[in-house]
Each structure stands twice: as C-alpha cells, then as structure tokens.
Amino acid sequence: MPAASDPGSRPALATAHWPDVAARARRLLVVPVGSLEQHGPHLPLDTDTRIAAAVAELACAGRQDVGLAPPIAIGASGEHADFPGTLSIGHVALSTLLVELGRHASLHWPAMLLVNGHGGNATAIAEAVATLRAEGRQCHVWHAGIQPSMLAGTPAPRPVIDAHAGRVETSLMLALAPGDVRPDLAAPGDTRPLPEIMADLRAHGVRKVSPNGVLGDPAGASAAEGERLLALLVADLAAVIGMLTAR
C-alpha cells in the first residue's frame, strides 16, 4: 500500500494547478468530512478528520480520474459541546455546506463521494445526499467505521468495535500520528453498547454519559493493530471508488 504522503500518486486538489485538473479524466470527486471534537484526554481533537483524510488519500492513490478535496474539518459535534476545544457548525449548516459544494462540484465531476469520519455528521450528510440526488446529481457517502464483517478474516484476538476514542480509534491514530497520542492519559469511559446510551447522548450529550469523553476502552490499542485496521478501511473505500468510477 503506498504511503499517504507519496507525491507521485496523489490526486489531491489542494496542491494541483487547474490546467492539470482540466486535462484529467474527472470521474469522481472525493471529499473527506471530519470534525473538531474531544476524543478523550489521550487523542487529538482532529482525530476524525485525520482518519477520514488518510483513508481517502490512500484509497485514491494513483487514481488520475479521481479528485481528492481537502477535508471539511469542522462538522456537527453538538453532542461534545461540553468539552473545551470542540467546535461545531451544526447539522443545518453542515448539510447546507455539502449541498452547495455538491452543486458546484457537479460542474466538473459527474459524481461526488463523501468520506465521513464522524458519526455525528451522518444526519446532515444523509440530508445533503438526498437533496443533491433529488436535483439529479450523483452523490454518495461512505462511513469510515470498522464493521464486524471487515474483521471476519483477521487473526484473533480481534479488537472490540467501540464507539468513540476507544481501542479502534486509538490504534488508528497510533498508526497515523503516534506523536499526537497520549497513552499515559488513556482510560476507559462508558463501555456499554451504543444503543443502550443513545437516548442519554441525544438528550444530554456525551459528558453526561462519560465524564472523560471516551465511549469504549482504549486498552490494548497498538500501532500494529492500527495498520491492520487502516488497511481494511482503505480496501473497502477503494472498492467503492472502483465501483463508482466503473459506471
């Protein structure tokens, strides 16, 4: 798998020049969507954005028919508002932003794929996708989350799939940015399954449920596990990109 920083295989728009973009076969625009929100005391605020951006960059590597937009770094994170450092633009603003982006993108790309790194963005993204599709535009979404089916062929012991700042995200960040992880501050939060705490989360926010902001347990996280999980995410997204560009 090529490194995310490999300049020879990057379709990133941020460093491109417009004549080069114009000369390419433009089949799909990929837009990572993240957040700036607390991820427990041990992970940085931009964890969701970094994971979404890294997975997208690796999955797009070498694809000259795919454009990779800079990530949208602030999303809908109202459930984390009680933690200092969290910034949120809310569901309405995020949905509006994505709709306007999709309308403009359709001038130059026949389809747009949103790579979502934050579960709290899901409602806004679904609304934006529905609006754009109703207007006749091709818009799709892929959520950057480890699913049980992805782990079926991996060796035991397999990581527990937790909701927020637990073992999965901690392992991914140890693989992507180990210098920004504080293992000395890692501690379990509320480890109940998400459906059991969802009502409290929606009514009162994350801090009501987990004072340290963790939903899960980062114990057992490692860079090696993060590399394996990252490869699973990249392969899944690359398959989606391949399917969309083959149409």
Protein backbone atom coordinates (compact mmCIF):
# COMPACT_ATOMS: atom_id res chain seq x y z
CA MET A 1 0.00 0.00 0.00
CA PRO A 2 1.57 3.37 -0.99
CA ALA A 3 2.34 5.89 1.71
CA ALA A 4 -0.22 8.63 2.20
CA SER A 5 2.47 11.21 1.50
CA ASP A 6 3.66 9.71 -1.80
CA PRO A 7 3.59 12.78 -4.09
CA GLY A 8 3.71 10.69 -7.24
CA SER A 9 0.35 9.08 -6.65
CA ARG A 10 -1.69 11.88 -5.12
CA PRO A 11 -4.77 13.29 -6.86
CA ALA A 12 -5.06 15.99 -4.18
CA LEU A 13 -6.70 19.17 -5.47
CA ALA A 14 -5.13 21.44 -2.85
CA THR A 15 -1.69 21.24 -4.46
CA ALA A 16 -2.88 20.90 -8.07
CA HIS A 17 -2.98 23.53 -10.82
CA TRP A 18 -6.22 23.96 -12.73
CA PRO A 19 -4.84 23.08 -16.20
CA ASP A 20 -3.63 19.75 -14.79
CA VAL A 21 -7.07 19.05 -13.32
CA ALA A 22 -8.71 20.04 -16.61
CA ALA A 23 -6.52 17.58 -18.51
CA ARG A 24 -7.53 14.61 -16.37
CA ALA A 25 -10.46 12.27 -16.84
CA ARG A 26 -12.64 13.51 -14.00
CA ARG A 27 -14.96 10.73 -12.90
CA LEU A 28 -15.32 11.27 -9.15
CA LEU A 29 -14.66 13.92 -6.51
CA VAL A 30 -13.84 12.51 -3.07
CA VAL A 31 -14.47 14.80 -0.08
CA PRO A 32 -13.40 13.74 3.44
CA VAL A 33 -15.72 15.09 6.15
CA GLY A 34 -14.45 15.13 9.73
CA SER A 35 -14.86 17.00 12.97
CA LEU A 36 -13.02 19.01 15.58
CA GLU A 37 -14.18 17.49 18.85
CA GLN A 38 -12.91 15.91 22.03
CA HIS A 39 -11.61 12.37 21.72
CA GLY A 40 -10.92 11.62 25.34
CA PRO A 41 -7.88 13.02 27.12
CA HIS A 42 -5.47 10.94 25.02
CA LEU A 43 -6.38 11.68 21.37
CA PRO A 44 -6.27 14.97 19.44
CA LEU A 45 -9.38 16.95 18.58
CA ASP A 46 -8.97 16.35 14.84
CA THR A 47 -8.92 12.56 15.11
CA ASP A 48 -11.98 12.03 12.89
CA THR A 49 -10.67 14.39 10.23
CA ARG A 50 -7.24 12.79 10.15
CA ILE A 51 -8.61 9.28 9.86
CA ALA A 52 -11.08 10.20 7.10
CA ALA A 53 -8.43 12.17 5.18
CA ALA A 54 -5.79 9.45 5.46
CA VAL A 55 -8.13 6.68 4.36
CA ALA A 56 -9.35 8.79 1.45
CA GLU A 57 -5.84 9.71 0.34
CA LEU A 58 -4.64 6.12 0.42
CA ALA A 59 -7.73 4.83 -1.37
CA CYS A 60 -7.38 7.47 -4.10
CA ALA A 61 -3.64 6.99 -4.58
CA GLY A 62 -2.67 6.61 -8.22
CA ARG A 63 -6.17 7.43 -9.49
CA GLN A 64 -5.81 10.21 -12.02
CA ASP A 65 -9.55 10.09 -12.72
CA VAL A 66 -10.40 10.94 -9.10
CA GLY A 67 -10.12 14.32 -7.42
CA LEU A 68 -9.40 14.45 -3.70
CA ALA A 69 -10.68 17.60 -1.99
CA PRO A 70 -9.21 18.99 1.23
CA PRO A 71 -11.14 17.69 4.24
CA ILE A 72 -14.04 19.55 5.79
CA ALA A 73 -12.52 19.79 9.25
CA ILE A 74 -15.44 21.04 11.36
CA GLY A 75 -18.72 19.16 11.35
CA ALA A 76 -21.77 18.58 13.52
CA SER A 77 -20.47 17.84 17.02
CA GLY A 78 -23.08 19.31 19.34
CA GLU A 79 -23.07 16.18 21.48
CA HIS A 80 -19.49 17.01 22.50
CA ALA A 81 -20.12 20.71 23.19
CA ASP A 82 -19.46 20.43 26.94
CA PHE A 83 -15.79 19.66 26.30
CA PRO A 84 -13.48 22.67 25.70
CA GLY A 85 -11.87 22.65 22.26
CA THR A 86 -14.83 21.12 20.46
CA LEU A 87 -16.11 23.26 17.58
CA SER A 88 -19.33 22.54 15.68
CA ILE A 89 -21.28 24.17 12.88
CA GLY A 90 -24.36 22.02 13.48
CA HIS A 91 -26.48 19.80 11.25
CA VAL A 92 -28.20 22.54 9.25
CA ALA A 93 -25.02 24.41 8.37
CA LEU A 94 -23.12 21.23 7.51
CA SER A 95 -25.92 19.97 5.29
CA THR A 96 -26.14 23.33 3.53
CA LEU A 97 -22.37 23.43 3.03
CA LEU A 98 -22.37 19.96 1.47
CA VAL A 99 -25.30 20.74 -0.81
CA GLU A 100 -23.62 23.89 -2.12
CA LEU A 101 -20.33 22.04 -2.54
CA GLY A 102 -22.07 19.25 -4.43
CA ARG A 103 -23.84 21.68 -6.73
CA HIS A 104 -20.58 23.35 -7.69
CA ALA A 105 -18.65 20.08 -7.92
CA SER A 106 -21.16 18.76 -10.44
CA LEU A 107 -19.91 21.38 -12.92
CA HIS A 108 -16.66 19.43 -13.27
CA TRP A 109 -17.24 15.94 -11.84
CA PRO A 110 -20.17 13.65 -12.65
CA ALA A 111 -20.23 12.26 -9.11
CA MET A 112 -19.16 13.13 -5.57
CA LEU A 113 -18.31 10.75 -2.73
CA LEU A 114 -18.35 11.98 0.87
CA VAL A 115 -15.96 10.08 3.15
CA ASN A 116 -17.40 10.60 6.61
CA GLY A 117 -15.19 10.26 9.67
CA HIS A 118 -17.67 11.30 12.38
CA GLY A 119 -20.90 9.54 13.26
CA GLY A 120 -22.49 12.79 14.37
CA ASN A 121 -22.31 14.04 10.78
CA ALA A 122 -24.50 11.23 9.47
CA THR A 123 -27.84 13.03 9.65
CA ALA A 124 -26.56 16.16 7.92
CA ILE A 125 -24.83 14.11 5.24
CA ALA A 126 -27.92 11.99 4.60
CA GLU A 127 -29.99 15.15 4.14
CA ALA A 128 -27.42 16.66 1.77
CA VAL A 129 -27.16 13.47 -0.29
CA ALA A 130 -30.95 13.26 -0.56
CA THR A 131 -31.19 16.89 -1.70
CA LEU A 132 -28.47 16.51 -4.33
CA ARG A 133 -29.95 13.29 -5.66
CA ALA A 134 -33.39 14.89 -5.86
CA GLU A 135 -31.76 17.54 -8.06
CA GLY A 136 -30.43 14.85 -10.39
CA ARG A 137 -26.85 14.87 -9.12
CA GLN A 138 -24.81 11.79 -8.24
CA CYS A 139 -23.77 11.96 -4.60
CA HIS A 140 -22.69 9.06 -2.40
CA VAL A 141 -21.41 8.54 1.14
CA TRP A 142 -19.01 6.09 2.74
CA HIS A 143 -18.64 5.99 6.52
CA ALA A 144 -15.14 5.37 7.89
CA GLY A 145 -16.01 2.79 10.50
CA ILE A 146 -14.82 -0.73 11.18
CA GLN A 147 -17.67 -3.18 10.62
CA PRO A 148 -17.77 -6.72 12.07
CA SER A 149 -17.73 -8.15 8.55
CA MET A 150 -14.35 -6.50 7.92
CA LEU A 151 -12.81 -8.44 10.82
CA ALA A 152 -14.04 -11.86 9.73
CA GLY A 153 -10.72 -12.87 8.17
CA THR A 154 -8.40 -11.23 10.70
CA PRO A 155 -6.49 -13.24 13.33
CA ALA A 156 -7.72 -13.41 16.91
CA PRO A 157 -7.81 -11.68 19.30
CA ARG A 158 -9.83 -9.13 17.35
CA PRO A 159 -10.42 -5.59 18.63
CA VAL A 160 -13.74 -4.73 20.18
CA ILE A 161 -15.58 -2.27 17.95
CA ASP A 162 -16.24 0.67 20.22
CA ALA A 163 -17.95 3.99 19.59
CA HIS A 164 -15.60 6.86 20.35
CA ALA A 165 -11.93 7.28 21.35
CA GLY A 166 -11.68 3.62 22.29
CA ARG A 167 -9.36 0.90 21.06
CA VAL A 168 -10.17 1.23 17.36
CA GLU A 169 -9.60 4.98 17.02
CA THR A 170 -6.61 4.87 19.36
CA SER A 171 -4.98 2.12 17.29
CA LEU A 172 -5.64 4.03 14.07
CA MET A 173 -4.08 7.19 15.50
CA LEU A 174 -1.07 5.25 16.82
CA ALA A 175 -0.54 4.14 13.23
CA LEU A 176 -1.15 7.55 11.65
CA ALA A 177 0.22 10.04 14.19
CA PRO A 178 1.81 8.33 17.20
CA GLY A 179 3.36 11.57 18.42
CA ASP A 180 -0.09 13.05 18.97
CA VAL A 181 -1.38 10.18 21.13
CA ARG A 182 -1.02 10.37 24.92
CA PRO A 183 -1.09 6.75 26.13
CA ASP A 184 -0.39 7.93 29.68
CA LEU A 185 -3.80 9.64 29.70
CA ALA A 186 -5.76 6.81 28.07
CA ALA A 187 -8.53 5.45 30.27
CA PRO A 188 -11.81 3.63 29.71
CA GLY A 189 -15.04 5.56 29.53
CA ASP A 190 -18.56 4.21 29.27
CA THR A 191 -18.22 0.76 27.73
CA ARG A 192 -21.89 -0.05 27.26
CA PRO A 193 -23.11 -0.70 23.70
CA LEU A 194 -24.08 2.50 21.91
CA PRO A 195 -27.80 1.64 21.62
CA GLU A 196 -28.03 1.46 25.42
CA ILE A 197 -26.78 5.02 25.91
CA MET A 198 -28.08 6.70 22.76
CA ALA A 199 -31.11 8.27 24.46
CA ASP A 200 -28.92 9.93 27.10
CA LEU A 201 -26.40 11.02 24.47
CA ARG A 202 -29.07 12.74 22.42
CA ALA A 203 -30.75 14.34 25.40
CA HIS A 204 -27.74 15.40 27.45
CA GLY A 205 -24.56 14.98 25.39
CA VAL A 206 -21.50 12.79 25.79
CA ARG A 207 -20.26 14.28 29.05
CA LYS A 208 -23.42 13.18 30.86
CA VAL A 209 -22.63 9.59 29.91
CA SER A 210 -18.83 9.66 30.02
CA PRO A 211 -17.02 12.39 32.01
CA ASN A 212 -13.73 11.73 30.20
CA GLY A 213 -15.38 11.67 26.76
CA VAL A 214 -14.49 8.07 25.90
CA LEU A 215 -17.14 5.62 24.74
CA GLY A 216 -15.24 2.37 24.91
CA ASP A 217 -11.84 1.34 26.25
CA PRO A 218 -8.51 2.20 24.56
CA ALA A 219 -6.70 -0.61 26.40
CA GLY A 220 -4.91 -2.94 24.01
CA ALA A 221 -4.56 -0.37 21.25
CA SER A 222 -1.37 -0.58 19.19
CA ALA A 223 0.17 0.85 16.04
CA ALA A 224 0.34 -2.63 14.52
CA GLU A 225 -3.37 -3.12 15.03
CA GLY A 226 -3.96 0.36 13.65
CA GLU A 227 -2.09 -0.52 10.46
CA ARG A 228 -4.26 -3.61 10.00
CA LEU A 229 -7.46 -1.65 10.61
CA LEU A 230 -6.31 1.12 8.28
CA ALA A 231 -5.67 -1.40 5.51
CA LEU A 232 -9.21 -2.79 5.94
CA LEU A 233 -10.73 0.68 5.67
CA VAL A 234 -8.63 1.62 2.65
CA ALA A 235 -9.51 -1.60 0.83
CA ASP A 236 -13.21 -1.10 1.48
CA LEU A 237 -13.19 2.51 0.30
CA ALA A 238 -11.04 1.69 -2.73
CA ALA A 239 -13.60 -0.92 -3.75
CA VAL A 240 -16.38 1.66 -3.51
CA ILE A 241 -14.36 4.14 -5.57
CA GLY A 242 -13.69 1.46 -8.16
CA MET A 243 -17.39 0.65 -8.39
CA LEU A 244 -18.42 4.30 -8.74
CA THR A 245 -15.82 5.09 -11.41
CA ALA A 246 -16.72 2.00 -13.43
CA ARG A 247 -20.23 3.27 -14.11
